[in-house]
Amino acid sequence: MTTTHTVADRSAVGDDDVQVDMLIVGAGPAGLFGAYYAGFRGMSVAVMDTLPELGGQVTAMYPEKVIYDIPGYPAVRGRDLVDALAAQAGRYDPAYLLGRQATELTHEPDAAVVTDEVGRRVRARAVVITGGLGAFAPKPLPAATGHLGRGLSYFVPRPQEYAGQDVVVAGGGDSAVDWALALAPVARSVTLVHKRERLRAQPAAVARLEASSVDIRTLTDVVAVHGEDWIEKVELADGRDGSRQVRPAQAIVVALGLASDLGPLTRWGLTVERRRIIVDSAMATGVERVFAAGDLVDYPGKVRLIATAFGEVATAVNNAAPIIDPAAKVFPGHSSDDGPAL
């Protein structure tokens, strides 16, 4: 027999079934703002994501990068934006179902039921999909197969954990450069390895990298990883002359990109065109009780910005409100009338 969690059971909800007013699928910026808005409307809410951390693409791809087009922030690091959104949503204690992929959608008379990959169910009166790229997974480093959790990672949520270590960052895009720059002040050494001749990150970030203490190795690949219980050394191959070098490393950060896929969502009866979910002006998908917002959706005039996604998810939540509570109105009222003065 399973127990049912409500919104009062905050984050780290594990193996049990969940019952809430609204399930948000996707814990990126749009999903977190949607969790705030659902709470503001008096709904209990759960947020499900395949990744183990909040923040979606921002956390996975550019947590250290500065974003300049968020209303109210002249400039904000990706990580700080996620922290602020989580704090804003946290006022209403959303349940976070992290590391869980939404697979199956079924319907009951007054609810949508979403089941994850191991059969745990979330029963919700409405579902809002804010999945960004859809379900995505990091591309692996073939030479390091089997070392995940033993020195190999795909994300760097806390750079201080690498203090005093020799770190190899594999990749040449924005994420790889961001991780290398974040680790350089705390690690003993940082080596960035990229198998192509040029890095693919933004020129300003590359210039910062070149001026840093990071050892940049282009036309180089990680071909072997040594160490039994934990990574101890890596073997690098130079693509110019085939020479090899073994160097100490206690950590490898793999930033080779992400493989994205709508995955099981394609079986939910949604209208999908060019890997985007088609919605109307209310952010409704046409499937009963299911709305969508953010980069994953499409409609005439769509602009893919985080700022746009905030408005879309607010529209979705507010249009779902009368479905959850027939006495509710779409218009949410003014937030300034709710809560203590500053």
C-alpha atoms as a PDB file:
ATOM      1  CA  MET A   1       0.000   0.000   0.000  1.00  0.00           C
ATOM      2  CA  THR A   2       1.327   3.456  -0.861  1.00  0.00           C
ATOM      3  CA  THR A   3       0.709   6.689   0.923  1.00  0.00           C
ATOM      4  CA  THR A   4      -0.256   9.880  -0.852  1.00  0.00           C
ATOM      5  CA  HIS A   5       1.836  13.010  -0.498  1.00  0.00           C
ATOM      6  CA  THR A   6       0.279  16.447  -0.626  1.00  0.00           C
ATOM      7  CA  VAL A   7       2.029  19.744  -1.173  1.00  0.00           C
ATOM      8  CA  ALA A   8       2.890  19.920   2.533  1.00  0.00           C
ATOM      9  CA  ASP A   9       5.558  17.262   1.969  1.00  0.00           C
ATOM     10  CA  ARG A  10       8.176  19.530   0.478  1.00  0.00           C
ATOM     11  CA  SER A  11      10.804  18.392  -2.060  1.00  0.00           C
ATOM     12  CA  ALA A  12      12.581  15.058  -2.109  1.00  0.00           C
ATOM     13  CA  VAL A  13       9.304  13.183  -2.449  1.00  0.00           C
ATOM     14  CA  GLY A  14      10.405   9.648  -3.198  1.00  0.00           C
ATOM     15  CA  ASP A  15       8.699   6.382  -4.005  1.00  0.00           C
ATOM     16  CA  ASP A  16       5.114   7.124  -3.035  1.00  0.00           C
ATOM     17  CA  ASP A  17       2.146   8.268  -5.091  1.00  0.00           C
ATOM     18  CA  VAL A  18       1.309  11.970  -5.090  1.00  0.00           C
ATOM     19  CA  GLN A  19      -2.013  13.786  -5.260  1.00  0.00           C
ATOM     20  CA  VAL A  20      -2.080  17.515  -6.025  1.00  0.00           C
ATOM     21  CA  ASP A  21      -4.177  20.120  -7.781  1.00  0.00           C
ATOM     22  CA  MET A  22      -1.518  20.761 -10.423  1.00  0.00           C
ATOM     23  CA  LEU A  23       1.450  18.818 -11.748  1.00  0.00           C
ATOM     24  CA  ILE A  24       4.121  20.788 -13.589  1.00  0.00           C
ATOM     25  CA  VAL A  25       6.350  18.650 -15.802  1.00  0.00           C
ATOM     26  CA  GLY A  26       9.680  20.447 -16.038  1.00  0.00           C
ATOM     27  CA  ALA A  27      11.646  22.202 -13.282  1.00  0.00           C
ATOM     28  CA  GLY A  28      13.284  24.923 -15.366  1.00  0.00           C
ATOM     29  CA  PRO A  29      12.577  28.638 -14.948  1.00  0.00           C
ATOM     30  CA  ALA A  30       9.086  28.369 -16.469  1.00  0.00           C
ATOM     31  CA  GLY A  31       8.194  25.395 -14.274  1.00  0.00           C
ATOM     32  CA  LEU A  32       9.435  27.105 -11.109  1.00  0.00           C
ATOM     33  CA  PHE A  33       7.517  30.295 -11.888  1.00  0.00           C
ATOM     34  CA  GLY A  34       4.484  28.137 -12.626  1.00  0.00           C
ATOM     35  CA  ALA A  35       4.878  26.521  -9.205  1.00  0.00           C
ATOM     36  CA  TYR A  36       4.810  29.986  -7.640  1.00  0.00           C
ATOM     37  CA  TYR A  37       1.725  30.990  -9.604  1.00  0.00           C
ATOM     38  CA  ALA A  38      -0.115  27.784  -8.787  1.00  0.00           C
ATOM     39  CA  GLY A  39       0.608  28.361  -5.117  1.00  0.00           C
ATOM     40  CA  PHE A  40      -0.500  31.970  -5.386  1.00  0.00           C
ATOM     41  CA  ARG A  41      -3.803  30.712  -6.802  1.00  0.00           C
ATOM     42  CA  GLY A  42      -4.214  28.445  -3.767  1.00  0.00           C
ATOM     43  CA  MET A  43      -3.354  25.202  -5.562  1.00  0.00           C
ATOM     44  CA  SER A  44      -1.263  22.363  -4.219  1.00  0.00           C
ATOM     45  CA  VAL A  45       1.473  21.682  -6.757  1.00  0.00           C
ATOM     46  CA  ALA A  46       4.148  19.139  -7.615  1.00  0.00           C
ATOM     47  CA  VAL A  47       7.025  19.656 -10.053  1.00  0.00           C
ATOM     48  CA  MET A  48       8.510  16.659 -11.871  1.00  0.00           C
ATOM     49  CA  ASP A  49      11.782  16.624 -13.818  1.00  0.00           C
ATOM     50  CA  THR A  50      14.104  13.999 -15.240  1.00  0.00           C
ATOM     51  CA  LEU A  51      17.140  15.881 -13.918  1.00  0.00           C
ATOM     52  CA  PRO A  52      18.247  15.595 -10.278  1.00  0.00           C
ATOM     53  CA  GLU A  53      18.585  19.390  -9.843  1.00  0.00           C
ATOM     54  CA  LEU A  54      16.201  22.311 -10.216  1.00  0.00           C
ATOM     55  CA  GLY A  55      16.735  24.702 -13.109  1.00  0.00           C
ATOM     56  CA  GLY A  56      16.383  22.627 -16.268  1.00  0.00           C
ATOM     57  CA  GLN A  57      18.504  23.863 -19.166  1.00  0.00           C
ATOM     58  CA  VAL A  58      19.851  26.783 -17.143  1.00  0.00           C
ATOM     59  CA  THR A  59      21.365  24.525 -14.487  1.00  0.00           C
ATOM     60  CA  ALA A  60      22.480  21.900 -16.994  1.00  0.00           C
ATOM     61  CA  MET A  61      23.958  24.187 -19.644  1.00  0.00           C
ATOM     62  CA  TYR A  62      24.870  27.639 -18.364  1.00  0.00           C
ATOM     63  CA  PRO A  63      24.563  28.088 -14.582  1.00  0.00           C
ATOM     64  CA  GLU A  64      27.484  30.532 -14.459  1.00  0.00           C
ATOM     65  CA  LYS A  65      26.532  32.507 -17.544  1.00  0.00           C
ATOM     66  CA  VAL A  66      25.089  35.987 -17.041  1.00  0.00           C
ATOM     67  CA  ILE A  67      21.595  36.549 -18.490  1.00  0.00           C
ATOM     68  CA  TYR A  68      20.615  40.098 -19.428  1.00  0.00           C
ATOM     69  CA  ASP A  69      16.992  39.867 -20.590  1.00  0.00           C
ATOM     70  CA  ILE A  70      15.149  38.895 -17.393  1.00  0.00           C
ATOM     71  CA  PRO A  71      12.687  41.598 -16.260  1.00  0.00           C
ATOM     72  CA  GLY A  72      13.861  43.313 -13.102  1.00  0.00           C
ATOM     73  CA  TYR A  73      17.432  41.986 -13.371  1.00  0.00           C
ATOM     74  CA  PRO A  74      19.937  44.160 -15.260  1.00  0.00           C
ATOM     75  CA  ALA A  75      22.147  41.054 -15.157  1.00  0.00           C
ATOM     76  CA  VAL A  76      21.798  37.746 -13.334  1.00  0.00           C
ATOM     77  CA  ARG A  77      23.777  34.501 -13.302  1.00  0.00           C
ATOM     78  CA  GLY A  78      21.788  31.469 -14.364  1.00  0.00           C
ATOM     79  CA  ARG A  79      22.365  29.809 -10.996  1.00  0.00           C
ATOM     80  CA  ASP A  80      21.175  32.888  -9.111  1.00  0.00           C
ATOM     81  CA  LEU A  81      18.049  33.135 -11.254  1.00  0.00           C
ATOM     82  CA  VAL A  82      17.162  29.521 -10.450  1.00  0.00           C
ATOM     83  CA  ASP A  83      17.787  30.123  -6.743  1.00  0.00           C
ATOM     84  CA  ALA A  84      15.523  33.191  -6.787  1.00  0.00           C
ATOM     85  CA  LEU A  85      12.748  31.349  -8.618  1.00  0.00           C
ATOM     86  CA  ALA A  86      12.990  28.406  -6.192  1.00  0.00           C
ATOM     87  CA  ALA A  87      12.780  30.812  -3.250  1.00  0.00           C
ATOM     88  CA  GLN A  88       9.751  32.502  -4.795  1.00  0.00           C
ATOM     89  CA  ALA A  89       7.992  29.164  -5.351  1.00  0.00           C
ATOM     90  CA  GLY A  90       9.138  27.910  -1.945  1.00  0.00           C
ATOM     91  CA  ARG A  91       6.661  30.155  -0.196  1.00  0.00           C
ATOM     92  CA  TYR A  92       3.997  27.624  -1.216  1.00  0.00           C
ATOM     93  CA  ASP A  93       6.008  24.454  -0.496  1.00  0.00           C
ATOM     94  CA  PRO A  94       5.815  22.657  -3.861  1.00  0.00           C
ATOM     95  CA  ALA A  95       6.648  18.955  -3.885  1.00  0.00           C
ATOM     96  CA  TYR A  96       9.680  18.330  -6.113  1.00  0.00           C
ATOM     97  CA  LEU A  97       9.757  14.984  -7.889  1.00  0.00           C
ATOM     98  CA  LEU A  98      13.286  15.081  -9.282  1.00  0.00           C
ATOM     99  CA  GLY A  99      15.025  12.360 -11.259  1.00  0.00           C
ATOM    100  CA  ARG A 100      11.633  11.105 -12.459  1.00  0.00           C
ATOM    101  CA  GLN A 101      10.425  11.000 -16.055  1.00  0.00           C
ATOM    102  CA  ALA A 102       6.750  11.414 -16.878  1.00  0.00           C
ATOM    103  CA  THR A 103       5.873   8.480 -19.110  1.00  0.00           C
ATOM    104  CA  GLU A 104       2.160   7.653 -19.251  1.00  0.00           C
ATOM    105  CA  LEU A 105      -0.904   9.911 -19.155  1.00  0.00           C
ATOM    106  CA  THR A 106      -4.329   8.531 -18.288  1.00  0.00           C
ATOM    107  CA  HIS A 107      -7.545  10.191 -17.219  1.00  0.00           C
ATOM    108  CA  GLU A 108      -9.985   9.726 -14.383  1.00  0.00           C
ATOM    109  CA  PRO A 109     -13.350  11.547 -14.219  1.00  0.00           C
ATOM    110  CA  ASP A 110     -11.879  14.581 -12.420  1.00  0.00           C
ATOM    111  CA  ALA A 111      -8.130  14.210 -12.816  1.00  0.00           C
ATOM    112  CA  ALA A 112      -5.207  13.481 -15.084  1.00  0.00           C
ATOM    113  CA  VAL A 113      -2.866  10.746 -13.878  1.00  0.00           C
ATOM    114  CA  VAL A 114       0.806  10.841 -14.833  1.00  0.00           C
ATOM    115  CA  THR A 115       2.889   7.719 -14.215  1.00  0.00           C
ATOM    116  CA  ASP A 116       6.680   7.700 -14.104  1.00  0.00           C
ATOM    117  CA  GLU A 117       9.067   5.069 -15.459  1.00  0.00           C
ATOM    118  CA  VAL A 118       8.796   2.783 -12.416  1.00  0.00           C
ATOM    119  CA  GLY A 119       5.043   3.019 -12.004  1.00  0.00           C
ATOM    120  CA  ARG A 120       4.689   5.776  -9.392  1.00  0.00           C
ATOM    121  CA  ARG A 121       1.633   7.912 -10.042  1.00  0.00           C
ATOM    122  CA  VAL A 122       0.803  11.583  -9.725  1.00  0.00           C
ATOM    123  CA  ARG A 123      -2.898  12.366  -9.705  1.00  0.00           C
ATOM    124  CA  ALA A 124      -3.559  16.005 -10.635  1.00  0.00           C
ATOM    125  CA  ARG A 125      -6.570  18.045 -11.642  1.00  0.00           C
ATOM    126  CA  ALA A 126      -4.431  19.765 -14.279  1.00  0.00           C
ATOM    127  CA  VAL A 127      -1.005  19.238 -15.849  1.00  0.00           C
ATOM    128  CA  VAL A 128       1.274  21.944 -17.267  1.00  0.00           C
ATOM    129  CA  ILE A 129       4.212  20.784 -19.415  1.00  0.00           C
ATOM    130  CA  THR A 130       7.186  23.154 -19.193  1.00  0.00           C
ATOM    131  CA  GLY A 131       9.834  20.746 -20.407  1.00  0.00           C
ATOM    132  CA  GLY A 132      12.045  23.133 -22.383  1.00  0.00           C
ATOM    133  CA  LEU A 133      13.893  20.806 -24.750  1.00  0.00           C
ATOM    134  CA  GLY A 134      11.832  17.866 -23.569  1.00  0.00           C
ATOM    135  CA  ALA A 135      13.540  15.054 -21.701  1.00  0.00           C
ATOM    136  CA  PHE A 136      17.261  15.359 -22.233  1.00  0.00           C
ATOM    137  CA  ALA A 137      20.316  13.454 -21.178  1.00  0.00           C
ATOM    138  CA  PRO A 138      24.020  14.318 -21.278  1.00  0.00           C
ATOM    139  CA  LYS A 139      26.045  12.773 -24.080  1.00  0.00           C
ATOM    140  CA  PRO A 140      28.551  10.324 -22.553  1.00  0.00           C
ATOM    141  CA  LEU A 141      32.329  10.241 -22.775  1.00  0.00           C
ATOM    142  CA  PRO A 142      33.084   6.753 -24.190  1.00  0.00           C
ATOM    143  CA  ALA A 143      36.466   6.467 -22.483  1.00  0.00           C
ATOM    144  CA  ALA A 144      34.934   7.065 -19.055  1.00  0.00           C
ATOM    145  CA  THR A 145      32.135   4.498 -19.155  1.00  0.00           C
ATOM    146  CA  GLY A 146      31.454   3.149 -15.688  1.00  0.00           C
ATOM    147  CA  HIS A 147      32.982   6.040 -13.747  1.00  0.00           C
ATOM    148  CA  LEU A 148      29.785   8.032 -13.118  1.00  0.00           C
ATOM    149  CA  GLY A 149      29.680   8.803  -9.406  1.00  0.00           C
ATOM    150  CA  ARG A 150      33.337   7.801  -9.045  1.00  0.00           C
ATOM    151  CA  GLY A 151      34.882  11.057 -10.122  1.00  0.00           C
ATOM    152  CA  LEU A 152      32.876  11.619 -13.317  1.00  0.00           C
ATOM    153  CA  SER A 153      29.971  14.080 -13.427  1.00  0.00           C
ATOM    154  CA  TYR A 154      27.931  15.935 -16.020  1.00  0.00           C
ATOM    155  CA  PHE A 155      27.016  18.987 -13.941  1.00  0.00           C
ATOM    156  CA  VAL A 156      28.800  21.145 -11.383  1.00  0.00           C
ATOM    157  CA  PRO A 157      26.121  22.429  -9.006  1.00  0.00           C
ATOM    158  CA  ARG A 158      28.680  23.166  -6.252  1.00  0.00           C
ATOM    159  CA  PRO A 159      32.157  24.094  -7.545  1.00  0.00           C
ATOM    160  CA  GLN A 160      33.607  24.162  -4.016  1.00  0.00           C
ATOM    161  CA  GLU A 161      33.339  20.366  -3.899  1.00  0.00           C
ATOM    162  CA  TYR A 162      36.250  20.266  -6.370  1.00  0.00           C
ATOM    163  CA  ALA A 163      38.587  22.253  -4.136  1.00  0.00           C
ATOM    164  CA  GLY A 164      42.182  20.980  -4.324  1.00  0.00           C
ATOM    165  CA  GLN A 165      41.484  18.516  -7.145  1.00  0.00           C
ATOM    166  CA  ASP A 166      42.945  18.115 -10.616  1.00  0.00           C
ATOM    167  CA  VAL A 167      39.937  18.404 -12.915  1.00  0.00           C
ATOM    168  CA  VAL A 168      39.550  17.599 -16.601  1.00  0.00           C
ATOM    169  CA  VAL A 169      36.634  19.213 -18.414  1.00  0.00           C
ATOM    170  CA  ALA A 170      35.704  17.467 -21.675  1.00  0.00           C
ATOM    171  CA  GLY A 171      33.951  19.632 -24.244  1.00  0.00           C
ATOM    172  CA  GLY A 172      34.245  22.900 -26.131  1.00  0.00           C
ATOM    173  CA  GLY A 173      30.839  24.564 -25.920  1.00  0.00           C
ATOM    174  CA  ASP A 174      29.350  27.119 -23.552  1.00  0.00           C
ATOM    175  CA  SER A 175      28.764  24.624 -20.755  1.00  0.00           C
ATOM    176  CA  ALA A 176      32.319  23.275 -20.852  1.00  0.00           C
ATOM    177  CA  VAL A 177      33.827  26.754 -20.779  1.00  0.00           C
ATOM    178  CA  ASP A 178      31.463  27.861 -18.006  1.00  0.00           C
ATOM    179  CA  TRP A 179      32.372  24.843 -15.863  1.00  0.00           C
ATOM    180  CA  ALA A 180      36.098  25.386 -16.447  1.00  0.00           C
ATOM    181  CA  LEU A 181      35.862  29.057 -15.469  1.00  0.00           C
ATOM    182  CA  ALA A 182      33.832  28.234 -12.364  1.00  0.00           C
ATOM    183  CA  LEU A 183      36.308  25.557 -11.257  1.00  0.00           C
ATOM    184  CA  ALA A 184      39.527  27.440 -11.987  1.00  0.00           C
ATOM    185  CA  PRO A 185      39.516  29.485  -8.735  1.00  0.00           C
ATOM    186  CA  VAL A 186      38.921  26.459  -6.479  1.00  0.00           C
ATOM    187  CA  ALA A 187      40.537  23.407  -8.126  1.00  0.00           C
ATOM    188  CA  ARG A 188      44.248  22.646  -7.972  1.00  0.00           C
ATOM    189  CA  SER A 189      44.309  22.506 -11.759  1.00  0.00           C
ATOM    190  CA  VAL A 190      41.770  22.566 -14.566  1.00  0.00           C
ATOM    191  CA  THR A 191      42.392  21.173 -18.048  1.00  0.00           C
ATOM    192  CA  LEU A 192      39.821  21.717 -20.788  1.00  0.00           C
ATOM    193  CA  VAL A 193      39.991  19.059 -23.509  1.00  0.00           C
ATOM    194  CA  HIS A 194      38.256  19.550 -26.858  1.00  0.00           C
ATOM    195  CA  LYS A 195      38.695  17.310 -29.858  1.00  0.00           C
ATOM    196  CA  ARG A 196      38.125  20.092 -32.394  1.00  0.00           C
ATOM    197  CA  GLU A 197      40.474  22.927 -33.271  1.00  0.00           C
ATOM    198  CA  ARG A 198      38.211  25.749 -32.083  1.00  0.00           C
ATOM    199  CA  LEU A 199      36.050  26.122 -29.026  1.00  0.00           C
ATOM    200  CA  ARG A 200      32.348  26.650 -29.741  1.00  0.00           C
ATOM    201  CA  ALA A 201      31.566  28.860 -26.745  1.00  0.00           C
ATOM    202  CA  GLN A 202      30.736  32.561 -26.933  1.00  0.00           C
ATOM    203  CA  PRO A 203      33.819  34.630 -27.846  1.00  0.00           C
ATOM    204  CA  ALA A 204      33.702  36.681 -24.631  1.00  0.00           C
ATOM    205  CA  ALA A 205      33.739  33.511 -22.536  1.00  0.00           C
ATOM    206  CA  VAL A 206      36.582  32.048 -24.606  1.00  0.00           C
ATOM    207  CA  ALA A 207      38.596  35.231 -24.064  1.00  0.00           C
ATOM    208  CA  ARG A 208      38.076  34.918 -20.302  1.00  0.00           C
ATOM    209  CA  LEU A 209      39.145  31.275 -20.486  1.00  0.00           C
ATOM    210  CA  GLU A 210      42.309  32.103 -22.402  1.00  0.00           C
ATOM    211  CA  ALA A 211      43.183  34.697 -19.762  1.00  0.00           C
ATOM    212  CA  SER A 212      42.604  32.250 -16.912  1.00  0.00           C
ATOM    213  CA  SER A 213      44.757  29.508 -15.397  1.00  0.00           C
ATOM    214  CA  VAL A 214      42.899  26.789 -17.330  1.00  0.00           C
ATOM    215  CA  ASP A 215      45.102  24.570 -19.521  1.00  0.00           C
ATOM    216  CA  ILE A 216      43.324  24.491 -22.891  1.00  0.00           C
ATOM    217  CA  ARG A 217      43.981  21.399 -25.033  1.00  0.00           C
ATOM    218  CA  THR A 218      42.289  21.551 -28.449  1.00  0.00           C
ATOM    219  CA  LEU A 219      42.526  18.787 -31.060  1.00  0.00           C
ATOM    220  CA  THR A 220      42.815  16.480 -28.067  1.00  0.00           C
ATOM    221  CA  ASP A 221      40.626  13.674 -26.800  1.00  0.00           C
ATOM    222  CA  VAL A 222      40.274  11.690 -23.569  1.00  0.00           C
ATOM    223  CA  VAL A 223      41.045   8.124 -24.654  1.00  0.00           C
ATOM    224  CA  ALA A 224      41.414   6.321 -21.318  1.00  0.00           C
ATOM    225  CA  VAL A 225      40.589   6.790 -17.656  1.00  0.00           C
ATOM    226  CA  HIS A 226      42.552   5.013 -14.926  1.00  0.00           C
ATOM    227  CA  GLY A 227      41.531   4.244 -11.360  1.00  0.00           C
ATOM    228  CA  GLU A 228      39.442   1.509  -9.798  1.00  0.00           C
ATOM    229  CA  ASP A 229      37.407   2.926  -6.914  1.00  0.00           C
ATOM    230  CA  TRP A 230      37.910   6.516  -8.071  1.00  0.00           C
ATOM    231  CA  ILE A 231      39.456   8.295 -11.039  1.00  0.00           C
ATOM    232  CA  GLU A 232      43.198   8.774 -10.586  1.00  0.00           C
ATOM    233  CA  LYS A 233      44.564   9.553 -14.055  1.00  0.00           C
ATOM    234  CA  VAL A 234      43.414  10.318 -17.573  1.00  0.00           C
ATOM    235  CA  GLU A 235      45.133   9.568 -20.853  1.00  0.00           C
ATOM    236  CA  LEU A 236      44.959  12.241 -23.535  1.00  0.00           C
ATOM    237  CA  ALA A 237      45.620  11.760 -27.250  1.00  0.00           C
ATOM    238  CA  ASP A 238      46.845  14.635 -29.399  1.00  0.00           C
ATOM    239  CA  GLY A 239      45.009  14.671 -32.721  1.00  0.00           C
ATOM    240  CA  ARG A 240      47.898  16.403 -34.465  1.00  0.00           C
ATOM    241  CA  ASP A 241      50.589  13.757 -34.070  1.00  0.00           C
ATOM    242  CA  GLY A 242      48.872  10.908 -32.198  1.00  0.00           C
ATOM    243  CA  SER A 243      51.065  11.335 -29.126  1.00  0.00           C
ATOM    244  CA  ARG A 244      49.641  10.435 -25.743  1.00  0.00           C
ATOM    245  CA  GLN A 245      50.025  11.918 -22.301  1.00  0.00           C
ATOM    246  CA  VAL A 246      48.912  10.548 -18.924  1.00  0.00           C
ATOM    247  CA  ARG A 247      48.170  13.162 -16.307  1.00  0.00           C
ATOM    248  CA  PRO A 248      46.684  13.118 -12.793  1.00  0.00           C
ATOM    249  CA  ALA A 249      42.959  13.775 -12.427  1.00  0.00           C
ATOM    250  CA  GLN A 250      40.571  13.079  -9.603  1.00  0.00           C
ATOM    251  CA  ALA A 251      37.536  14.454 -11.439  1.00  0.00           C
ATOM    252  CA  ILE A 252      36.206  14.622 -14.988  1.00  0.00           C
ATOM    253  CA  VAL A 253      33.350  16.924 -15.943  1.00  0.00           C
ATOM    254  CA  VAL A 254      31.756  15.832 -19.215  1.00  0.00           C
ATOM    255  CA  ALA A 255      30.110  18.654 -21.172  1.00  0.00           C
ATOM    256  CA  LEU A 256      29.685  17.184 -24.647  1.00  0.00           C
ATOM    257  CA  GLY A 257      26.147  18.407 -25.144  1.00  0.00           C
ATOM    258  CA  LEU A 258      22.682  17.070 -24.484  1.00  0.00           C
ATOM    259  CA  ALA A 259      20.517  14.639 -26.400  1.00  0.00           C
ATOM    260  CA  SER A 260      16.931  15.880 -26.215  1.00  0.00           C
ATOM    261  CA  ASP A 261      13.718  14.064 -27.005  1.00  0.00           C
ATOM    262  CA  LEU A 262      10.006  14.533 -26.399  1.00  0.00           C
ATOM    263  CA  GLY A 263      10.082  10.866 -25.494  1.00  0.00           C
ATOM    264  CA  PRO A 264       6.874   9.534 -23.918  1.00  0.00           C
ATOM    265  CA  LEU A 265       5.098  12.877 -24.405  1.00  0.00           C
ATOM    266  CA  THR A 266       4.592  11.920 -28.048  1.00  0.00           C
ATOM    267  CA  ARG A 267       2.176   9.239 -26.834  1.00  0.00           C
ATOM    268  CA  TRP A 268      -0.041  11.625 -24.863  1.00  0.00           C
ATOM    269  CA  GLY A 269      -2.238  12.600 -27.824  1.00  0.00           C
ATOM    270  CA  LEU A 270      -0.670  16.059 -28.116  1.00  0.00           C
ATOM    271  CA  THR A 271      -0.428  17.839 -31.443  1.00  0.00           C
ATOM    272  CA  VAL A 272       3.303  17.914 -32.189  1.00  0.00           C
ATOM    273  CA  GLU A 273       4.899  19.673 -35.160  1.00  0.00           C
ATOM    274  CA  ARG A 274       8.660  19.916 -35.669  1.00  0.00           C
ATOM    275  CA  ARG A 275       9.197  18.588 -32.132  1.00  0.00           C
ATOM    276  CA  ARG A 276       7.040  21.361 -30.628  1.00  0.00           C
ATOM    277  CA  ILE A 277       3.708  21.066 -28.835  1.00  0.00           C
ATOM    278  CA  ILE A 278       0.994  23.170 -30.467  1.00  0.00           C
ATOM    279  CA  VAL A 279      -1.058  25.270 -28.028  1.00  0.00           C
ATOM    280  CA  ASP A 280      -3.783  27.908 -28.267  1.00  0.00           C
ATOM    281  CA  SER A 281      -3.831  31.364 -26.676  1.00  0.00           C
ATOM    282  CA  ALA A 282      -4.756  29.833 -23.304  1.00  0.00           C
ATOM    283  CA  MET A 283      -1.726  27.511 -23.541  1.00  0.00           C
ATOM    284  CA  ALA A 284      -4.148  24.581 -23.805  1.00  0.00           C
ATOM    285  CA  THR A 285      -2.906  21.576 -25.786  1.00  0.00           C
ATOM    286  CA  GLY A 286      -6.291  20.197 -26.794  1.00  0.00           C
ATOM    287  CA  VAL A 287      -5.800  17.198 -24.503  1.00  0.00           C
ATOM    288  CA  GLU A 288      -8.135  17.297 -21.531  1.00  0.00           C
ATOM    289  CA  ARG A 289      -6.588  19.012 -18.475  1.00  0.00           C
ATOM    290  CA  VAL A 290      -3.171  19.387 -20.142  1.00  0.00           C
ATOM    291  CA  PHE A 291      -1.510  22.743 -20.812  1.00  0.00           C
ATOM    292  CA  ALA A 292       2.033  23.596 -21.945  1.00  0.00           C
ATOM    293  CA  ALA A 293       4.393  26.573 -21.869  1.00  0.00           C
ATOM    294  CA  GLY A 294       7.983  27.538 -22.607  1.00  0.00           C
ATOM    295  CA  ASP A 295      10.455  26.540 -25.303  1.00  0.00           C
ATOM    296  CA  LEU A 296       8.618  23.293 -25.979  1.00  0.00           C
ATOM    297  CA  VAL A 297       5.458  24.980 -27.320  1.00  0.00           C
ATOM    298  CA  ASP A 298       4.645  26.631 -30.624  1.00  0.00           C
ATOM    299  CA  TYR A 299       1.989  28.999 -31.946  1.00  0.00           C
ATOM    300  CA  PRO A 300       1.965  31.838 -34.491  1.00  0.00           C
ATOM    301  CA  GLY A 301       4.411  34.549 -33.472  1.00  0.00           C
ATOM    302  CA  LYS A 302       6.168  32.443 -30.829  1.00  0.00           C
ATOM    303  CA  VAL A 303       9.385  33.990 -29.427  1.00  0.00           C
ATOM    304  CA  ARG A 304      11.639  31.615 -27.476  1.00  0.00           C
ATOM    305  CA  LEU A 305      12.859  33.618 -24.511  1.00  0.00           C
ATOM    306  CA  ILE A 306      12.788  32.925 -20.781  1.00  0.00           C
ATOM    307  CA  ALA A 307      10.823  36.165 -20.389  1.00  0.00           C
ATOM    308  CA  THR A 308       8.185  34.860 -22.805  1.00  0.00           C
ATOM    309  CA  ALA A 309       7.992  31.541 -20.967  1.00  0.00           C
ATOM    310  CA  PHE A 310       7.155  33.306 -17.694  1.00  0.00           C
ATOM    311  CA  GLY A 311       4.082  34.883 -19.273  1.00  0.00           C
ATOM    312  CA  GLU A 312       3.074  31.640 -20.971  1.00  0.00           C
ATOM    313  CA  VAL A 313       3.198  29.564 -17.792  1.00  0.00           C
ATOM    314  CA  ALA A 314       1.243  32.219 -15.874  1.00  0.00           C
ATOM    315  CA  THR A 315      -1.365  32.088 -18.652  1.00  0.00           C
ATOM    316  CA  ALA A 316      -1.467  28.282 -18.468  1.00  0.00           C
ATOM    317  CA  VAL A 317      -1.852  28.172 -14.676  1.00  0.00           C
ATOM    318  CA  ASN A 318      -4.564  30.815 -14.619  1.00  0.00           C
ATOM    319  CA  ASN A 319      -6.543  29.189 -17.419  1.00  0.00           C
ATOM    320  CA  ALA A 320      -6.279  25.864 -15.594  1.00  0.00           C
ATOM    321  CA  ALA A 321      -7.666  27.404 -12.384  1.00  0.00           C
ATOM    322  CA  PRO A 322     -11.380  27.139 -13.354  1.00  0.00           C
ATOM    323  CA  ILE A 323     -10.823  23.497 -14.358  1.00  0.00           C
ATOM    324  CA  ILE A 324      -9.409  22.749 -10.929  1.00  0.00           C
ATOM    325  CA  ASP A 325     -12.032  24.841  -9.114  1.00  0.00           C
ATOM    326  CA  PRO A 326     -15.138  25.766 -11.159  1.00  0.00           C
ATOM    327  CA  ALA A 327     -15.705  28.745  -8.843  1.00  0.00           C
ATOM    328  CA  ALA A 328     -12.304  30.216  -9.708  1.00  0.00           C
ATOM    329  CA  LYS A 329     -11.801  32.923 -12.312  1.00  0.00           C
ATOM    330  CA  VAL A 330      -9.062  33.074 -14.909  1.00  0.00           C
ATOM    331  CA  PHE A 331      -7.891  36.494 -13.710  1.00  0.00           C
ATOM    332  CA  PRO A 332      -5.651  35.895 -10.691  1.00  0.00           C
ATOM    333  CA  GLY A 333      -6.057  39.206  -8.941  1.00  0.00           C
ATOM    334  CA  HIS A 334      -3.146  41.423  -7.960  1.00  0.00           C
ATOM    335  CA  SER A 335      -0.245  39.876  -6.096  1.00  0.00           C
ATOM    336  CA  SER A 336       0.237  43.128  -4.173  1.00  0.00           C
ATOM    337  CA  ASP A 337      -2.994  42.342  -2.332  1.00  0.00           C
ATOM    338  CA  ASP A 338      -1.558  39.035  -1.100  1.00  0.00           C
ATOM    339  CA  GLY A 339       1.030  38.758   1.637  1.00  0.00           C
ATOM    340  CA  PRO A 340       2.921  41.089   3.939  1.00  0.00           C
ATOM    341  CA  ALA A 341       4.348  44.438   2.866  1.00  0.00           C
ATOM    342  CA  LEU A 342       8.095  44.673   2.318  1.00  0.00           C
END
